[in-house]
C-alpha atoms as a PDB file:
ATOM      1  CA  MET A   1     191.857  12.858 317.651  1.00  0.00           C
ATOM      2  CA  ASN A   2     189.886  10.491 315.479  1.00  0.00           C
ATOM      3  CA  THR A   3     186.230   9.669 315.016  1.00  0.00           C
ATOM      4  CA  ILE A   4     184.101   6.676 314.191  1.00  0.00           C
ATOM      5  CA  THR A   5     180.714   7.346 312.617  1.00  0.00           C
ATOM      6  CA  THR A   6     177.900   4.802 312.675  1.00  0.00           C
ATOM      7  CA  LEU A   7     174.429   5.081 311.198  1.00  0.00           C
ATOM      8  CA  ASP A   8     171.292   3.446 312.561  1.00  0.00           C
ATOM      9  CA  GLY A   9     168.278   4.494 310.518  1.00  0.00           C
ATOM     10  CA  THR A  10     167.840   8.235 310.942  1.00  0.00           C
ATOM     11  CA  THR A  11     170.310   8.480 313.841  1.00  0.00           C
ATOM     12  CA  ALA A  12     174.070   8.832 313.539  1.00  0.00           C
ATOM     13  CA  THR A  13     176.612   8.372 316.301  1.00  0.00           C
ATOM     14  CA  ILE A  14     179.988  10.034 316.081  1.00  0.00           C
ATOM     15  CA  ALA A  15     182.395   8.570 318.625  1.00  0.00           C
ATOM     16  CA  VAL A  16     185.227  10.971 319.382  1.00  0.00           C
ATOM     17  CA  ARG A  17     188.588   9.667 320.556  1.00  0.00           C
ATOM     18  CA  GLY A  18     190.642  12.543 321.864  1.00  0.00           C
ATOM     19  CA  ASP A  19     190.271  16.082 323.108  1.00  0.00           C
ATOM     20  CA  ILE A  20     187.877  18.642 321.658  1.00  0.00           C
ATOM     21  CA  ASP A  21     189.497  22.031 321.110  1.00  0.00           C
ATOM     22  CA  PHE A  22     189.749  24.587 318.328  1.00  0.00           C
ATOM     23  CA  ASP A  23     192.252  22.399 316.438  1.00  0.00           C
ATOM     24  CA  THR A  24     189.853  19.457 316.369  1.00  0.00           C
ATOM     25  CA  LEU A  25     186.649  21.473 315.867  1.00  0.00           C
ATOM     26  CA  PRO A  26     186.865  21.716 312.037  1.00  0.00           C
ATOM     27  CA  PRO A  27     187.204  17.938 311.458  1.00  0.00           C
ATOM     28  CA  LEU A  28     184.398  17.271 313.951  1.00  0.00           C
ATOM     29  CA  ARG A  29     182.122  19.720 312.158  1.00  0.00           C
ATOM     30  CA  ALA A  30     183.123  18.138 308.856  1.00  0.00           C
ATOM     31  CA  ALA A  31     182.162  14.695 310.175  1.00  0.00           C
ATOM     32  CA  ALA A  32     178.721  16.000 311.147  1.00  0.00           C
ATOM     33  CA  ASP A  33     178.330  17.890 307.863  1.00  0.00           C
ATOM     34  CA  ALA A  34     179.157  14.731 305.890  1.00  0.00           C
ATOM     35  CA  LEU A  35     176.180  12.848 307.314  1.00  0.00           C
ATOM     36  CA  PRO A  36     173.402  11.984 304.872  1.00  0.00           C
ATOM     37  CA  ALA A  37     170.460  14.382 304.693  1.00  0.00           C
ATOM     38  CA  HIS A  38     168.025  11.765 306.082  1.00  0.00           C
ATOM     39  CA  VAL A  39     169.856  11.769 309.451  1.00  0.00           C
ATOM     40  CA  THR A  40     167.663  13.693 311.902  1.00  0.00           C
ATOM     41  CA  GLY A  41     169.402  12.691 315.134  1.00  0.00           C
ATOM     42  CA  LEU A  42     173.071  13.033 315.996  1.00  0.00           C
ATOM     43  CA  ARG A  43     174.605  11.459 319.076  1.00  0.00           C
ATOM     44  CA  TRP A  44     178.108  12.525 320.089  1.00  0.00           C
ATOM     45  CA  ASP A  45     179.754   9.675 322.023  1.00  0.00           C
ATOM     46  CA  LEU A  46     182.382  11.287 324.266  1.00  0.00           C
ATOM     47  CA  ASN A  47     183.430   8.210 326.259  1.00  0.00           C
ATOM     48  CA  HIS A  48     187.027   8.706 325.099  1.00  0.00           C
ATOM     49  CA  THR A  49     187.144  12.494 325.393  1.00  0.00           C
ATOM     50  CA  LEU A  50     188.878  13.534 328.593  1.00  0.00           C
ATOM     51  CA  PHE A  51     189.129  17.260 327.795  1.00  0.00           C
ATOM     52  CA  MET A  52     186.883  19.733 326.025  1.00  0.00           C
ATOM     53  CA  ASP A  53     187.341  23.494 325.877  1.00  0.00           C
ATOM     54  CA  ILE A  54     184.945  26.160 324.641  1.00  0.00           C
ATOM     55  CA  ALA A  55     185.198  24.669 321.146  1.00  0.00           C
ATOM     56  CA  GLY A  56     183.010  21.842 322.446  1.00  0.00           C
ATOM     57  CA  LEU A  57     180.295  24.367 323.263  1.00  0.00           C
ATOM     58  CA  HIS A  58     180.539  25.680 319.702  1.00  0.00           C
ATOM     59  CA  LEU A  59     180.230  22.131 318.390  1.00  0.00           C
ATOM     60  CA  LEU A  60     177.279  21.082 320.533  1.00  0.00           C
ATOM     61  CA  PHE A  61     175.257  24.305 320.642  1.00  0.00           C
ATOM     62  CA  ALA A  62     175.923  26.032 317.317  1.00  0.00           C
ATOM     63  CA  PRO A  63     172.798  26.963 315.383  1.00  0.00           C
ATOM     64  CA  THR A  64     172.166  24.981 312.231  1.00  0.00           C
ATOM     65  CA  PRO A  65     173.534  26.844 309.214  1.00  0.00           C
ATOM     66  CA  PRO A  66     171.009  27.658 306.455  1.00  0.00           C
ATOM     67  CA  GLY A  67     170.593  24.894 303.910  1.00  0.00           C
ATOM     68  CA  ARG A  68     171.671  22.128 306.286  1.00  0.00           C
ATOM     69  CA  PRO A  69     169.313  19.642 307.943  1.00  0.00           C
ATOM     70  CA  ASP A  70     168.198  20.491 311.476  1.00  0.00           C
ATOM     71  CA  ARG A  71     169.249  17.615 313.755  1.00  0.00           C
ATOM     72  CA  ARG A  72     168.457  16.746 317.339  1.00  0.00           C
ATOM     73  CA  ILE A  73     171.740  16.535 319.238  1.00  0.00           C
ATOM     74  CA  ALA A  74     172.467  14.237 322.178  1.00  0.00           C
ATOM     75  CA  VAL A  75     175.670  13.511 324.076  1.00  0.00           C
ATOM     76  CA  THR A  76     176.632  10.284 325.811  1.00  0.00           C
ATOM     77  CA  GLY A  77     179.642   9.161 327.796  1.00  0.00           C
ATOM     78  CA  LEU A  78     180.557  12.514 329.277  1.00  0.00           C
ATOM     79  CA  ARG A  79     183.719  12.390 331.339  1.00  0.00           C
ATOM     80  CA  PRO A  80     184.108  14.661 334.403  1.00  0.00           C
ATOM     81  CA  GLN A  81     185.850  17.642 332.778  1.00  0.00           C
ATOM     82  CA  PRO A  82     183.538  17.984 329.725  1.00  0.00           C
ATOM     83  CA  LEU A  83     180.505  17.544 331.987  1.00  0.00           C
ATOM     84  CA  ARG A  84     181.845  20.224 334.335  1.00  0.00           C
ATOM     85  CA  LEU A  85     182.261  22.607 331.383  1.00  0.00           C
ATOM     86  CA  LEU A  86     178.694  21.967 330.196  1.00  0.00           C
ATOM     87  CA  ARG A  87     177.296  22.512 333.698  1.00  0.00           C
ATOM     88  CA  LEU A  88     179.275  25.739 334.058  1.00  0.00           C
ATOM     89  CA  ALA A  89     177.975  27.013 330.713  1.00  0.00           C
ATOM     90  CA  ALA A  90     174.405  26.050 331.611  1.00  0.00           C
ATOM     91  CA  GLY A  91     174.719  27.756 334.981  1.00  0.00           C
ATOM     92  CA  THR A  92     175.939  30.920 333.287  1.00  0.00           C
ATOM     93  CA  ASN A  93     173.322  30.977 330.520  1.00  0.00           C
ATOM     94  CA  PRO A  94     170.674  28.247 330.889  1.00  0.00           C
ATOM     95  CA  ALA A  95     168.574  29.513 327.969  1.00  0.00           C
ATOM     96  CA  THR A  96     171.463  29.105 325.527  1.00  0.00           C
ATOM     97  CA  PHE A  97     173.035  25.959 326.966  1.00  0.00           C
ATOM     98  CA  ARG A  98     169.983  23.714 327.434  1.00  0.00           C
ATOM     99  CA  LEU A  99     171.396  20.548 328.975  1.00  0.00           C
ATOM    100  CA  ASP A 100     167.959  18.942 329.175  1.00  0.00           C
ATOM    101  CA  ARG A 101     168.036  18.757 325.357  1.00  0.00           C
ATOM    102  CA  LEU A 102     171.590  17.519 325.159  1.00  0.00           C
ATOM    103  CA  LEU A 103     172.042  14.992 327.964  1.00  0.00           C
ATOM    104  CA  CYS A 104     169.768  12.238 326.697  1.00  0.00           C
ATOM    105  CA  ASP A 105     170.765   8.697 325.854  1.00  0.00           C
ATOM    106  CA  THR A 106     169.520   9.100 322.292  1.00  0.00           C
ATOM    107  CA  PRO A 107     168.336  12.021 320.151  1.00  0.00           C
ATOM    108  CA  ALA A 108     164.848  10.458 320.076  1.00  0.00           C
ATOM    109  CA  ALA A 109     164.746  10.533 323.888  1.00  0.00           C
ATOM    110  CA  CYS A 110     165.458  14.264 323.708  1.00  0.00           C
ATOM    111  CA  GLU A 111     162.255  14.978 321.771  1.00  0.00           C
ATOM    112  CA  GLY A 112     160.209  15.449 324.925  1.00  0.00           C
ATOM    113  CA  ALA A 113     162.836  17.743 326.393  1.00  0.00           C
ATOM    114  CA  GLU A 114     162.753  19.922 323.266  1.00  0.00           C
ATOM    115  CA  ARG A 115     159.119  20.741 323.927  1.00  0.00           C
ATOM    116  CA  ALA A 116     159.805  21.750 327.533  1.00  0.00           C
END
C-alpha cells in the first residue's frame, strides 16, 4: 500500500493504492495527521483500493482526537467491495455511518449534507 497526498488550498486528497486493513491503518492515519493545520477538507481517493475491511470504517468515521483540526471527509472512487462495506455499515447503524456526508465529490460539496 502506498499513498499520494496533494494539497489544493484548504483541501487535501490522499490517494490510496492498495487494500485498507489493520496493517495499513496506522500509515493512513499518519498521512492524514501529517496534513497542515489549515486543511479543513480531506478527500480519500480510493480508485485503486479493491478491498477494505472494518479498518476502513475506523479510518473514515473515527471522531477527531482532541487537539487536532476537525476536517470534512469525503470519499471518491469507491470500488464495489468498499462501497458494499460502507452500505452494510450504514444499513446497520445509519446514525453512525452517515454516507450522505462521506459520498460527495469534494469535502466542500459535503457541507450541505452535514447540516441535514
